[in-house]
Amino acid sequence: MYCRKCYTKLDPTDDFPRCPRCDRGFDPTDRNSYLARPFPGKWRIVWHIFLTTLVSFVIAFIVANFQLAQASGH
């Protein structure tokens, strides 16, 4: 069991289950409130890479069009 925010190992036997590092609460019976592995899964990593690349291309396209408009004198 690992924290969703800082990936610290969690102790489900505490009276008030909270992360010792970032103080984020979790419910040992709710699988969505913690991670089973200490690091994100491969699909989450792939999704972040894809999203970052897509955002970078969109920003580059906007900047290139802005510079093209400035160079053309419009």
PDB file of N, CA and C in Angstrom:
ATOM      1  N   MET A   1       0.839  -1.162   0.000  1.00  0.00           N
ATOM      2  CA  MET A   1       0.000   0.000   0.000  1.00  0.00           C
ATOM      3  C   MET A   1       0.896   1.240   0.000  1.00  0.00           C
ATOM      4  N   TYR A   2       0.662   2.121  -0.979  1.00  0.00           N
ATOM      5  CA  TYR A   2       1.504   3.311  -1.125  1.00  0.00           C
ATOM      6  C   TYR A   2       0.637   4.548  -1.337  1.00  0.00           C
ATOM      7  N   CYS A   3       1.139   5.688  -0.894  1.00  0.00           N
ATOM      8  CA  CYS A   3       0.428   6.958  -1.009  1.00  0.00           C
ATOM      9  C   CYS A   3       0.293   7.360  -2.476  1.00  0.00           C
ATOM     10  N   ARG A   4      -0.875   7.873  -2.844  1.00  0.00           N
ATOM     11  CA  ARG A   4      -1.120   8.309  -4.220  1.00  0.00           C
ATOM     12  C   ARG A   4      -0.366   9.601  -4.547  1.00  0.00           C
ATOM     13  N   LYS A   5      -0.010  10.361  -3.543  1.00  0.00           N
ATOM     14  CA  LYS A   5       0.636  11.655  -3.782  1.00  0.00           C
ATOM     15  C   LYS A   5       2.160  11.564  -3.762  1.00  0.00           C
ATOM     16  N   CYS A   6       2.724  10.921  -2.720  1.00  0.00           N
ATOM     17  CA  CYS A   6       4.181  10.940  -2.558  1.00  0.00           C
ATOM     18  C   CYS A   6       4.815   9.548  -2.615  1.00  0.00           C
ATOM     19  N   TYR A   7       4.020   8.502  -2.843  1.00  0.00           N
ATOM     20  CA  TYR A   7       4.498   7.122  -3.011  1.00  0.00           C
ATOM     21  C   TYR A   7       5.165   6.538  -1.762  1.00  0.00           C
ATOM     22  N   THR A   8       4.848   7.069  -0.587  1.00  0.00           N
ATOM     23  CA  THR A   8       5.382   6.540   0.664  1.00  0.00           C
ATOM     24  C   THR A   8       4.605   5.290   1.073  1.00  0.00           C
ATOM     25  N   LYS A   9       5.292   4.326   1.662  1.00  0.00           N
ATOM     26  CA  LYS A   9       4.632   3.109   2.133  1.00  0.00           C
ATOM     27  C   LYS A   9       3.683   3.454   3.275  1.00  0.00           C
ATOM     28  N   LEU A  10       2.463   2.927   3.214  1.00  0.00           N
ATOM     29  CA  LEU A  10       1.429   3.235   4.190  1.00  0.00           C
ATOM     30  C   LEU A  10       1.215   2.071   5.153  1.00  0.00           C
ATOM     31  N   ASP A  11       0.799   2.403   6.349  1.00  0.00           N
ATOM     32  CA  ASP A  11       0.498   1.398   7.363  1.00  0.00           C
ATOM     33  C   ASP A  11      -1.021   1.349   7.561  1.00  0.00           C
ATOM     34  N   PRO A  12      -1.691   0.294   7.100  1.00  0.00           N
ATOM     35  CA  PRO A  12      -3.155   0.245   7.200  1.00  0.00           C
ATOM     36  C   PRO A  12      -3.668  -0.035   8.606  1.00  0.00           C
ATOM     37  N   THR A  13      -2.795  -0.327   9.548  1.00  0.00           N
ATOM     38  CA  THR A  13      -3.236  -0.651  10.908  1.00  0.00           C
ATOM     39  C   THR A  13      -3.364   0.576  11.811  1.00  0.00           C
ATOM     40  N   ASP A  14      -3.032   1.757  11.317  1.00  0.00           N
ATOM     41  CA  ASP A  14      -3.162   2.974  12.123  1.00  0.00           C
ATOM     42  C   ASP A  14      -4.629   3.255  12.449  1.00  0.00           C
ATOM     43  N   ASP A  15      -4.864   3.913  13.591  1.00  0.00           N
ATOM     44  CA  ASP A  15      -6.227   4.296  13.968  1.00  0.00           C
ATOM     45  C   ASP A  15      -6.793   5.338  13.014  1.00  0.00           C
ATOM     46  N   PHE A  16      -5.968   6.314  12.637  1.00  0.00           N
ATOM     47  CA  PHE A  16      -6.351   7.336  11.679  1.00  0.00           C
ATOM     48  C   PHE A  16      -5.425   7.193  10.483  1.00  0.00           C
ATOM     49  N   PRO A  17      -5.835   6.419   9.461  1.00  0.00           N
ATOM     50  CA  PRO A  17      -4.933   6.145   8.343  1.00  0.00           C
ATOM     51  C   PRO A  17      -4.604   7.396   7.530  1.00  0.00           C
ATOM     52  N   ARG A  18      -3.384   7.865   7.695  1.00  0.00           N
ATOM     53  CA  ARG A  18      -2.879   9.024   6.958  1.00  0.00           C
ATOM     54  C   ARG A  18      -1.442   8.733   6.559  1.00  0.00           C
ATOM     55  N   CYS A  19      -1.017   9.360   5.489  1.00  0.00           N
ATOM     56  CA  CYS A  19       0.359   9.210   5.031  1.00  0.00           C
ATOM     57  C   CYS A  19       1.283   9.916   6.025  1.00  0.00           C
ATOM     58  N   PRO A  20       2.355   9.263   6.473  1.00  0.00           N
ATOM     59  CA  PRO A  20       3.262   9.912   7.429  1.00  0.00           C
ATOM     60  C   PRO A  20       4.081  11.036   6.807  1.00  0.00           C
ATOM     61  N   ARG A  21       4.188  11.054   5.501  1.00  0.00           N
ATOM     62  CA  ARG A  21       5.020  12.058   4.844  1.00  0.00           C
ATOM     63  C   ARG A  21       4.235  13.295   4.416  1.00  0.00           C
ATOM     64  N   CYS A  22       3.101  13.083   3.717  1.00  0.00           N
ATOM     65  CA  CYS A  22       2.347  14.231   3.194  1.00  0.00           C
ATOM     66  C   CYS A  22       1.010  14.442   3.896  1.00  0.00           C
ATOM     67  N   ASP A  23       0.646  13.572   4.835  1.00  0.00           N
ATOM     68  CA  ASP A  23      -0.559  13.677   5.651  1.00  0.00           C
ATOM     69  C   ASP A  23      -1.856  13.523   4.846  1.00  0.00           C
ATOM     70  N   ARG A  24      -1.772  12.868   3.706  1.00  0.00           N
ATOM     71  CA  ARG A  24      -2.968  12.597   2.909  1.00  0.00           C
ATOM     72  C   ARG A  24      -3.690  11.386   3.499  1.00  0.00           C
ATOM     73  N   GLY A  25      -5.006  11.493   3.648  1.00  0.00           N
ATOM     74  CA  GLY A  25      -5.779  10.406   4.209  1.00  0.00           C
ATOM     75  C   GLY A  25      -6.044   9.309   3.186  1.00  0.00           C
ATOM     76  N   PHE A  26      -6.263   8.101   3.678  1.00  0.00           N
ATOM     77  CA  PHE A  26      -6.615   6.979   2.803  1.00  0.00           C
ATOM     78  C   PHE A  26      -7.501   6.011   3.571  1.00  0.00           C
ATOM     79  N   ASP A  27      -8.231   5.209   2.825  1.00  0.00           N
ATOM     80  CA  ASP A  27      -9.115   4.213   3.406  1.00  0.00           C
ATOM     81  C   ASP A  27      -8.600   2.835   2.998  1.00  0.00           C
ATOM     82  N   PRO A  28      -8.151   2.013   3.940  1.00  0.00           N
ATOM     83  CA  PRO A  28      -7.606   0.697   3.585  1.00  0.00           C
ATOM     84  C   PRO A  28      -8.601  -0.208   2.852  1.00  0.00           C
ATOM     85  N   THR A  29      -9.900   0.059   3.010  1.00  0.00           N
ATOM     86  CA  THR A  29     -10.902  -0.764   2.324  1.00  0.00           C
ATOM     87  C   THR A  29     -11.242  -0.243   0.940  1.00  0.00           C
ATOM     88  N   ASP A  30     -10.838   0.992   0.622  1.00  0.00           N
ATOM     89  CA  ASP A  30     -11.107   1.595  -0.691  1.00  0.00           C
ATOM     90  C   ASP A  30      -9.844   1.579  -1.528  1.00  0.00           C
ATOM     91  N   ARG A  31      -9.822   0.732  -2.536  1.00  0.00           N
ATOM     92  CA  ARG A  31      -8.636   0.563  -3.375  1.00  0.00           C
ATOM     93  C   ARG A  31      -8.280   1.815  -4.178  1.00  0.00           C
ATOM     94  N   ASN A  32      -9.217   2.720  -4.363  1.00  0.00           N
ATOM     95  CA  ASN A  32      -8.952   3.955  -5.109  1.00  0.00           C
ATOM     96  C   ASN A  32      -8.262   5.021  -4.274  1.00  0.00           C
ATOM     97  N   SER A  33      -8.119   4.792  -2.976  1.00  0.00           N
ATOM     98  CA  SER A  33      -7.501   5.810  -2.115  1.00  0.00           C
ATOM     99  C   SER A  33      -6.008   5.582  -1.891  1.00  0.00           C
ATOM    100  N   TYR A  34      -5.442   4.522  -2.464  1.00  0.00           N
ATOM    101  CA  TYR A  34      -4.014   4.250  -2.344  1.00  0.00           C
ATOM    102  C   TYR A  34      -3.533   3.508  -3.586  1.00  0.00           C
ATOM    103  N   LEU A  35      -2.224   3.378  -3.729  1.00  0.00           N
ATOM    104  CA  LEU A  35      -1.628   2.654  -4.847  1.00  0.00           C
ATOM    105  C   LEU A  35      -1.167   1.280  -4.389  1.00  0.00           C
ATOM    106  N   ALA A  36      -1.284   0.301  -5.259  1.00  0.00           N
ATOM    107  CA  ALA A  36      -0.814  -1.042  -4.936  1.00  0.00           C
ATOM    108  C   ALA A  36       0.695  -1.149  -5.141  1.00  0.00           C
ATOM    109  N   ARG A  37       1.226  -0.347  -6.081  1.00  0.00           N
ATOM    110  CA  ARG A  37       2.669  -0.338  -6.363  1.00  0.00           C
ATOM    111  C   ARG A  37       3.252   1.018  -5.994  1.00  0.00           C
ATOM    112  N   PRO A  38       4.554   1.081  -5.719  1.00  0.00           N
ATOM    113  CA  PRO A  38       5.135   2.356  -5.281  1.00  0.00           C
ATOM    114  C   PRO A  38       5.292   3.390  -6.389  1.00  0.00           C
ATOM    115  N   PHE A  39       5.174   3.005  -7.640  1.00  0.00           N
ATOM    116  CA  PHE A  39       5.336   3.941  -8.741  1.00  0.00           C
ATOM    117  C   PHE A  39       4.164   3.813  -9.693  1.00  0.00           C
ATOM    118  N   PRO A  40       3.915   4.831 -10.505  1.00  0.00           N
ATOM    119  CA  PRO A  40       2.803   4.757 -11.446  1.00  0.00           C
ATOM    120  C   PRO A  40       2.980   3.583 -12.416  1.00  0.00           C
ATOM    121  N   GLY A  41       1.879   3.056 -12.879  1.00  0.00           N
ATOM    122  CA  GLY A  41       1.915   1.970 -13.846  1.00  0.00           C
ATOM    123  C   GLY A  41       2.392   2.436 -15.202  1.00  0.00           C
ATOM    124  N   LYS A  42       2.676   1.487 -16.081  1.00  0.00           N
ATOM    125  CA  LYS A  42       3.241   1.845 -17.385  1.00  0.00           C
ATOM    126  C   LYS A  42       2.254   2.637 -18.233  1.00  0.00           C
ATOM    127  N   TRP A  43       0.952   2.355 -18.116  1.00  0.00           N
ATOM    128  CA  TRP A  43      -0.010   3.108 -18.919  1.00  0.00           C
ATOM    129  C   TRP A  43      -0.124   4.548 -18.447  1.00  0.00           C
ATOM    130  N   ARG A  44       0.045   4.786 -17.180  1.00  0.00           N
ATOM    131  CA  ARG A  44       0.024   6.163 -16.682  1.00  0.00           C
ATOM    132  C   ARG A  44       1.247   6.932 -17.184  1.00  0.00           C
ATOM    133  N   ILE A  45       2.393   6.279 -17.211  1.00  0.00           N
ATOM    134  CA  ILE A  45       3.608   6.912 -17.728  1.00  0.00           C
ATOM    135  C   ILE A  45       3.464   7.200 -19.217  1.00  0.00           C
ATOM    136  N   VAL A  46       2.950   6.214 -19.979  1.00  0.00           N
ATOM    137  CA  VAL A  46       2.740   6.408 -21.419  1.00  0.00           C
ATOM    138  C   VAL A  46       1.759   7.550 -21.658  1.00  0.00           C
ATOM    139  N   TRP A  47       0.685   7.608 -20.868  1.00  0.00           N
ATOM    140  CA  TRP A  47      -0.303   8.673 -21.011  1.00  0.00           C
ATOM    141  C   TRP A  47       0.331  10.048 -20.748  1.00  0.00           C
ATOM    142  N   HIS A  48       1.162  10.168 -19.732  1.00  0.00           N
ATOM    143  CA  HIS A  48       1.817  11.445 -19.430  1.00  0.00           C
ATOM    144  C   HIS A  48       2.768  11.852 -20.555  1.00  0.00           C
ATOM    145  N   ILE A  49       3.501  10.899 -21.106  1.00  0.00           N
ATOM    146  CA  ILE A  49       4.410  11.210 -22.215  1.00  0.00           C
ATOM    147  C   ILE A  49       3.617  11.671 -23.425  1.00  0.00           C
ATOM    148  N   PHE A  50       2.536  10.972 -23.747  1.00  0.00           N
ATOM    149  CA  PHE A  50       1.697  11.344 -24.889  1.00  0.00           C
ATOM    150  C   PHE A  50       1.094  12.725 -24.698  1.00  0.00           C
ATOM    151  N   LEU A  51       0.543  12.977 -23.516  1.00  0.00           N
ATOM    152  CA  LEU A  51      -0.087  14.263 -23.248  1.00  0.00           C
ATOM    153  C   LEU A  51       0.928  15.404 -23.285  1.00  0.00           C
ATOM    154  N   THR A  52       2.099  15.196 -22.710  1.00  0.00           N
ATOM    155  CA  THR A  52       3.144  16.223 -22.729  1.00  0.00           C
ATOM    156  C   THR A  52       3.597  16.520 -24.157  1.00  0.00           C
ATOM    157  N   THR A  53       3.757  15.482 -24.963  1.00  0.00           N
ATOM    158  CA  THR A  53       4.155  15.666 -26.353  1.00  0.00           C
ATOM    159  C   THR A  53       3.085  16.422 -27.131  1.00  0.00           C
ATOM    160  N   LEU A  54       1.827  16.066 -26.925  1.00  0.00           N
ATOM    161  CA  LEU A  54       0.729  16.735 -27.614  1.00  0.00           C
ATOM    162  C   LEU A  54       0.664  18.217 -27.246  1.00  0.00           C
ATOM    163  N   VAL A  55       0.771  18.523 -25.972  1.00  0.00           N
ATOM    164  CA  VAL A  55       0.745  19.916 -25.523  1.00  0.00           C
ATOM    165  C   VAL A  55       1.934  20.684 -26.102  1.00  0.00           C
ATOM    166  N   SER A  56       3.094  20.056 -26.157  1.00  0.00           N
ATOM    167  CA  SER A  56       4.281  20.709 -26.713  1.00  0.00           C
ATOM    168  C   SER A  56       4.092  21.036 -28.186  1.00  0.00           C
ATOM    169  N   PHE A  57       3.521  20.106 -28.942  1.00  0.00           N
ATOM    170  CA  PHE A  57       3.269  20.362 -30.365  1.00  0.00           C
ATOM    171  C   PHE A  57       2.261  21.482 -30.570  1.00  0.00           C
ATOM    172  N   VAL A  58       1.227  21.519 -29.767  1.00  0.00           N
ATOM    173  CA  VAL A  58       0.228  22.585 -29.889  1.00  0.00           C
ATOM    174  C   VAL A  58       0.852  23.938 -29.576  1.00  0.00           C
ATOM    175  N   ILE A  59       1.639  24.023 -28.525  1.00  0.00           N
ATOM    176  CA  ILE A  59       2.300  25.290 -28.182  1.00  0.00           C
ATOM    177  C   ILE A  59       3.285  25.698 -29.265  1.00  0.00           C
ATOM    178  N   ALA A  60       4.051  24.744 -29.790  1.00  0.00           N
ATOM    179  CA  ALA A  60       4.994  25.056 -30.868  1.00  0.00           C
ATOM    180  C   ALA A  60       4.259  25.557 -32.109  1.00  0.00           C
ATOM    181  N   PHE A  61       3.119  24.970 -32.424  1.00  0.00           N
ATOM    182  CA  PHE A  61       2.321  25.402 -33.573  1.00  0.00           C
ATOM    183  C   PHE A  61       1.820  26.831 -33.385  1.00  0.00           C
ATOM    184  N   ILE A  62       1.340  27.137 -32.190  1.00  0.00           N
ATOM    185  CA  ILE A  62       0.846  28.485 -31.908  1.00  0.00           C
ATOM    186  C   ILE A  62       1.978  29.502 -31.997  1.00  0.00           C
ATOM    187  N   VAL A  63       3.125  29.200 -31.431  1.00  0.00           N
ATOM    188  CA  VAL A  63       4.269  30.112 -31.481  1.00  0.00           C
ATOM    189  C   VAL A  63       4.745  30.303 -32.918  1.00  0.00           C
ATOM    190  N   ALA A  64       4.811  29.225 -33.696  1.00  0.00           N
ATOM    191  CA  ALA A  64       5.252  29.327 -35.088  1.00  0.00           C
ATOM    192  C   ALA A  64       4.290  30.192 -35.904  1.00  0.00           C
ATOM    193  N   ASN A  65       2.995  30.027 -35.699  1.00  0.00           N
ATOM    194  CA  ASN A  65       2.022  30.860 -36.426  1.00  0.00           C
ATOM    195  C   ASN A  65       2.122  32.317 -36.011  1.00  0.00           C
ATOM    196  N   PHE A  66       2.341  32.567 -34.748  1.00  0.00           N
ATOM    197  CA  PHE A  66       2.494  33.948 -34.273  1.00  0.00           C
ATOM    198  C   PHE A  66       3.726  34.590 -34.898  1.00  0.00           C
ATOM    199  N   GLN A  67       4.845  33.859 -34.935  1.00  0.00           N
ATOM    200  CA  GLN A  67       6.065  34.402 -35.531  1.00  0.00           C
ATOM    201  C   GLN A  67       5.907  34.606 -37.037  1.00  0.00           C
ATOM    202  N   LEU A  68       5.196  33.697 -37.696  1.00  0.00           N
ATOM    203  CA  LEU A  68       4.951  33.845 -39.132  1.00  0.00           C
ATOM    204  C   LEU A  68       4.107  35.078 -39.422  1.00  0.00           C
ATOM    205  N   ALA A  69       3.108  35.323 -38.580  1.00  0.00           N
ATOM    206  CA  ALA A  69       2.277  36.514 -38.763  1.00  0.00           C
ATOM    207  C   ALA A  69       3.084  37.780 -38.511  1.00  0.00           C
ATOM    208  N   GLN A  70       3.987  37.770 -37.560  1.00  0.00           N
ATOM    209  CA  GLN A  70       4.834  38.939 -37.278  1.00  0.00           C
ATOM    210  C   GLN A  70       5.793  39.199 -38.435  1.00  0.00           C
ATOM    211  N   ALA A  71       6.331  38.135 -39.032  1.00  0.00           N
ATOM    212  CA  ALA A  71       7.290  38.297 -40.126  1.00  0.00           C
ATOM    213  C   ALA A  71       6.627  38.760 -41.414  1.00  0.00           C
ATOM    214  N   SER A  72       5.350  38.432 -41.600  1.00  0.00           N
ATOM    215  CA  SER A  72       4.665  38.803 -42.834  1.00  0.00           C
ATOM    216  C   SER A  72       4.150  40.238 -42.786  1.00  0.00           C
ATOM    217  N   GLY A  73       4.147  40.843 -41.635  1.00  0.00           N
ATOM    218  CA  GLY A  73       3.724  42.246 -41.515  1.00  0.00           C
ATOM    219  C   GLY A  73       2.249  42.437 -41.272  1.00  0.00           C
ATOM    220  N   HIS A  74       1.518  41.410 -40.939  1.00  0.00           N
ATOM    221  CA  HIS A  74       0.078  41.556 -40.680  1.00  0.00           C
ATOM    222  C   HIS A  74      -0.190  41.772 -39.227  1.00  0.00           C
TER     223      HIS A  74
END
